[in-house]
N, C-alpha and C. Protein backbone atom coordinates (compact mmCIF):
# COMPACT_ATOMS: atom_id res chain seq x y z
N MET A 1 -23.03 64.26 -233.83
CA MET A 1 -21.88 64.73 -233.49
C MET A 1 -21.74 64.33 -231.95
N ILE A 2 -22.87 65.08 -231.52
CA ILE A 2 -22.87 65.34 -229.95
C ILE A 2 -23.10 63.75 -229.21
N ALA A 3 -23.47 62.59 -230.03
CA ALA A 3 -23.91 61.55 -229.65
C ALA A 3 -22.77 60.59 -229.25
N VAL A 4 -21.96 60.69 -230.67
CA VAL A 4 -20.38 60.18 -231.11
C VAL A 4 -20.06 60.89 -229.64
N ILE A 5 -19.77 61.98 -228.84
CA ILE A 5 -19.03 62.45 -227.99
C ILE A 5 -19.38 62.10 -227.12
N ASP A 6 -20.65 62.04 -226.56
CA ASP A 6 -21.21 61.18 -225.65
C ASP A 6 -20.81 59.76 -225.04
N SER A 7 -20.45 59.43 -226.47
CA SER A 7 -20.56 57.79 -226.44
C SER A 7 -18.99 57.60 -226.18
N MET A 8 -18.05 58.41 -227.16
CA MET A 8 -16.74 58.30 -225.91
C MET A 8 -16.54 58.73 -224.71
N THR A 9 -17.27 59.64 -224.26
CA THR A 9 -16.75 60.08 -222.79
C THR A 9 -17.19 58.72 -222.08
N PHE A 10 -18.44 58.37 -222.13
CA PHE A 10 -18.90 57.31 -221.43
C PHE A 10 -17.82 56.16 -221.81
N ALA A 11 -17.13 55.83 -222.81
CA ALA A 11 -16.39 55.05 -223.00
C ALA A 11 -14.78 55.20 -221.89
N VAL A 12 -14.56 56.18 -222.07
CA VAL A 12 -13.17 56.74 -221.81
C VAL A 12 -13.81 56.42 -220.12
N ALA A 13 -14.82 56.88 -219.51
CA ALA A 13 -14.89 57.14 -218.01
C ALA A 13 -15.04 55.51 -217.41
N PHE A 14 -15.86 54.49 -218.59
CA PHE A 14 -15.80 53.18 -218.36
C PHE A 14 -14.37 52.51 -218.04
N ALA A 15 -13.78 52.74 -219.09
CA ALA A 15 -12.20 52.44 -219.03
C ALA A 15 -11.69 53.05 -217.75
N ALA A 16 -11.78 53.93 -217.38
CA ALA A 16 -10.87 54.32 -216.13
C ALA A 16 -11.16 54.06 -214.94
N SER A 17 -12.75 53.42 -214.89
CA SER A 17 -13.45 52.45 -213.28
C SER A 17 -12.86 51.29 -213.84
N VAL A 18 -12.55 50.54 -214.73
CA VAL A 18 -12.08 49.56 -214.94
C VAL A 18 -10.73 49.16 -214.68
N TRP A 19 -10.20 50.09 -214.98
CA TRP A 19 -8.42 50.35 -215.15
C TRP A 19 -8.41 50.09 -213.27
N VAL A 20 -8.86 51.14 -212.68
CA VAL A 20 -9.09 51.11 -211.24
C VAL A 20 -9.09 50.01 -210.32
N PHE A 21 -10.44 49.55 -210.66
CA PHE A 21 -10.96 47.95 -210.14
C PHE A 21 -9.56 47.23 -210.51
N ALA A 22 -9.03 47.17 -211.73
CA ALA A 22 -7.87 46.05 -212.42
C ALA A 22 -6.62 46.24 -211.23
N PHE A 23 -6.14 47.35 -211.19
CA PHE A 23 -5.18 47.50 -210.29
C PHE A 23 -5.11 47.51 -208.84
N THR A 24 -6.31 47.81 -207.80
CA THR A 24 -6.23 48.10 -206.66
C THR A 24 -7.30 47.02 -206.10
N LEU A 25 -7.97 46.41 -206.76
CA LEU A 25 -8.80 45.21 -205.60
C LEU A 25 -8.58 44.04 -206.26
N VAL A 26 -8.14 43.70 -207.71
CA VAL A 26 -8.06 42.58 -208.08
C VAL A 26 -6.73 42.02 -207.51
N PRO A 27 -5.65 42.65 -207.04
CA PRO A 27 -4.45 42.00 -206.49
C PRO A 27 -4.58 41.37 -205.01
N ALA A 28 -5.84 42.16 -204.52
CA ALA A 28 -6.22 41.93 -203.15
C ALA A 28 -7.01 40.67 -202.93
N LEU A 29 -7.59 40.17 -204.18
CA LEU A 29 -8.97 39.45 -203.93
C LEU A 29 -8.51 38.08 -203.46
N PRO A 30 -7.11 37.49 -203.41
CA PRO A 30 -7.01 36.21 -202.96
C PRO A 30 -6.87 36.33 -201.12
N ARG A 31 -6.16 37.32 -200.78
CA ARG A 31 -6.32 37.78 -199.56
C ARG A 31 -7.95 38.44 -199.17
N ILE A 32 -8.39 38.58 -199.70
CA ILE A 32 -10.15 38.94 -199.15
C ILE A 32 -10.80 37.22 -198.82
N ALA A 33 -10.53 36.87 -200.41
CA ALA A 33 -11.02 35.52 -200.42
C ALA A 33 -10.53 34.45 -199.00
N ALA A 34 -9.35 34.26 -198.59
CA ALA A 34 -8.87 33.70 -197.49
C ALA A 34 -9.34 34.41 -196.22
N ILE A 35 -9.65 35.53 -195.87
CA ILE A 35 -10.63 36.25 -195.11
C ILE A 35 -11.56 35.88 -195.03
N LEU A 36 -12.88 35.69 -196.04
CA LEU A 36 -14.02 35.40 -195.65
C LEU A 36 -13.92 33.70 -195.71
N ARG A 37 -12.95 32.99 -196.16
CA ARG A 37 -13.12 31.59 -196.02
C ARG A 37 -12.59 30.96 -194.62
N GLY A 38 -12.32 32.10 -193.86
CA GLY A 38 -11.48 31.64 -192.32
C GLY A 38 -10.04 31.05 -192.52
N GLU A 39 -9.21 31.34 -193.64
CA GLU A 39 -8.13 30.75 -193.43
C GLU A 39 -6.86 31.69 -193.02
N ALA A 40 -7.10 33.01 -193.24
CA ALA A 40 -6.27 33.95 -192.66
C ALA A 40 -6.89 34.63 -191.76
N GLU A 41 -5.76 35.43 -190.83
CA GLU A 41 -6.39 35.72 -189.72
C GLU A 41 -6.48 37.46 -190.33
N TYR A 42 -7.74 37.71 -189.25
CA TYR A 42 -8.09 39.32 -190.05
C TYR A 42 -7.31 40.15 -188.79
N GLU A 43 -6.66 41.01 -188.83
CA GLU A 43 -5.99 41.90 -188.07
C GLU A 43 -6.30 43.40 -188.15
N ALA A 44 -7.37 43.48 -187.96
CA ALA A 44 -7.75 45.34 -188.12
C ALA A 44 -7.45 45.93 -187.21
N ALA A 45 -7.26 45.21 -185.87
CA ALA A 45 -7.12 46.29 -184.81
C ALA A 45 -5.53 46.56 -184.76
N ASN A 46 -4.75 45.54 -185.43
CA ASN A 46 -3.07 45.86 -185.59
C ASN A 46 -2.78 46.85 -186.68
N ALA A 47 -3.53 46.72 -187.50
CA ALA A 47 -3.46 47.59 -188.70
C ALA A 47 -3.14 49.13 -189.13
N PHE A 48 -4.17 49.61 -187.96
CA PHE A 48 -3.78 51.19 -187.90
C PHE A 48 -3.22 51.42 -186.56
N VAL A 49 -2.55 52.65 -186.96
CA VAL A 49 -1.48 52.87 -185.90
C VAL A 49 -2.31 54.41 -185.53
N ALA A 50 -2.43 54.64 -184.55
CA ALA A 50 -3.08 56.34 -183.91
C ALA A 50 -1.65 57.07 -183.94
N VAL A 51 -1.67 58.33 -184.47
CA VAL A 51 -0.51 58.96 -184.78
C VAL A 51 -0.78 60.24 -183.87
N SER A 52 -0.44 60.75 -182.99
CA SER A 52 -0.83 61.90 -182.50
C SER A 52 0.59 63.02 -182.73
N ASP A 53 -0.34 64.28 -183.08
CA ASP A 53 0.88 65.57 -183.20
C ASP A 53 1.52 65.88 -181.68
N ARG A 54 2.68 65.81 -181.54
CA ARG A 54 3.14 66.42 -180.02
C ARG A 54 3.81 67.74 -180.04
N ARG A 55 3.51 68.63 -181.12
CA ARG A 55 4.31 69.98 -181.03
C ARG A 55 2.94 71.00 -180.42
N VAL A 56 3.53 71.86 -179.60
CA VAL A 56 2.92 72.82 -178.80
C VAL A 56 2.14 73.67 -179.80
N ARG A 57 0.77 74.01 -179.56
CA ARG A 57 0.29 74.94 -180.68
C ARG A 57 -0.07 76.23 -179.74
N THR A 58 -0.10 76.83 -180.20
CA THR A 58 -0.40 78.26 -179.54
C THR A 58 -1.63 79.09 -180.50
N ARG A 59 -2.39 79.91 -179.56
CA ARG A 59 -3.38 80.22 -180.51
C ARG A 59 -3.01 81.40 -181.19
N ALA A 60 -3.75 81.81 -182.61
CA ALA A 60 -3.12 82.96 -183.17
C ALA A 60 -3.38 83.99 -182.82
N ARG A 61 -3.04 84.48 -182.59
CA ARG A 61 -3.12 86.26 -182.03
C ARG A 61 -3.29 87.22 -182.89
N PRO A 62 -4.09 88.06 -182.77
CA PRO A 62 -4.28 89.46 -183.73
C PRO A 62 -3.02 90.32 -183.59
N VAL A 63 -2.71 90.83 -184.85
CA VAL A 63 -1.50 91.56 -184.83
C VAL A 63 -1.91 92.94 -184.06
N GLN A 64 -2.73 93.56 -184.30
CA GLN A 64 -3.26 94.78 -183.75
C GLN A 64 -4.36 94.48 -183.08
N ARG A 65 -4.05 94.91 -181.92
CA ARG A 65 -5.19 94.85 -180.64
C ARG A 65 -6.37 96.19 -180.98
N VAL A 66 -7.46 95.56 -181.15
CA VAL A 66 -8.72 96.11 -181.58
C VAL A 66 -9.41 96.65 -180.35
N ARG A 67 -9.80 98.04 -180.54
CA ARG A 67 -10.22 98.73 -179.60
C ARG A 67 -11.55 98.74 -179.86
N LEU A 68 -12.61 98.57 -178.80
CA LEU A 68 -14.09 98.44 -178.88
C LEU A 68 -14.81 99.80 -178.88
N VAL A 69 -15.61 99.69 -179.63
CA VAL A 69 -16.10 101.18 -179.90
C VAL A 69 -17.52 101.49 -180.15
N SER A 70 -17.57 102.39 -179.28
CA SER A 70 -19.29 101.98 -179.02
C SER A 70 -20.32 102.99 -180.24
N LEU A 71 -21.19 102.47 -180.07
CA LEU A 71 -22.28 102.96 -181.23
C LEU A 71 -21.96 104.54 -181.14
N ARG A 72 -22.17 105.50 -180.05
CA ARG A 72 -22.22 106.50 -180.02
C ARG A 72 -20.88 107.37 -180.41
N GLU A 73 -19.95 107.17 -180.24
CA GLU A 73 -18.25 107.28 -181.08
C GLU A 73 -18.39 107.36 -182.16
N ALA A 74 -18.85 105.76 -182.62
CA ALA A 74 -18.81 105.54 -184.16
C ALA A 74 -19.58 106.93 -184.80
N ALA A 75 -20.49 107.43 -184.44
CA ALA A 75 -21.98 107.98 -185.09
C ALA A 75 -21.12 109.30 -185.39
């Protein structure tokens, strides 16, 4: 019974990996092949956009000020 469950788990994992491959890489294969053959322009530099966060951030401040206690006072 454990061998059957093990085989079914492997089959499901394999099917999931094939599904991910089919719906992500396969549609891009013609473009990848054209880039490798040199027929399409490779625009990696223009493909990425740097986005910066312009909000002003302040440091988190503690709600209560902590007093430094010496070891003698604590004892």
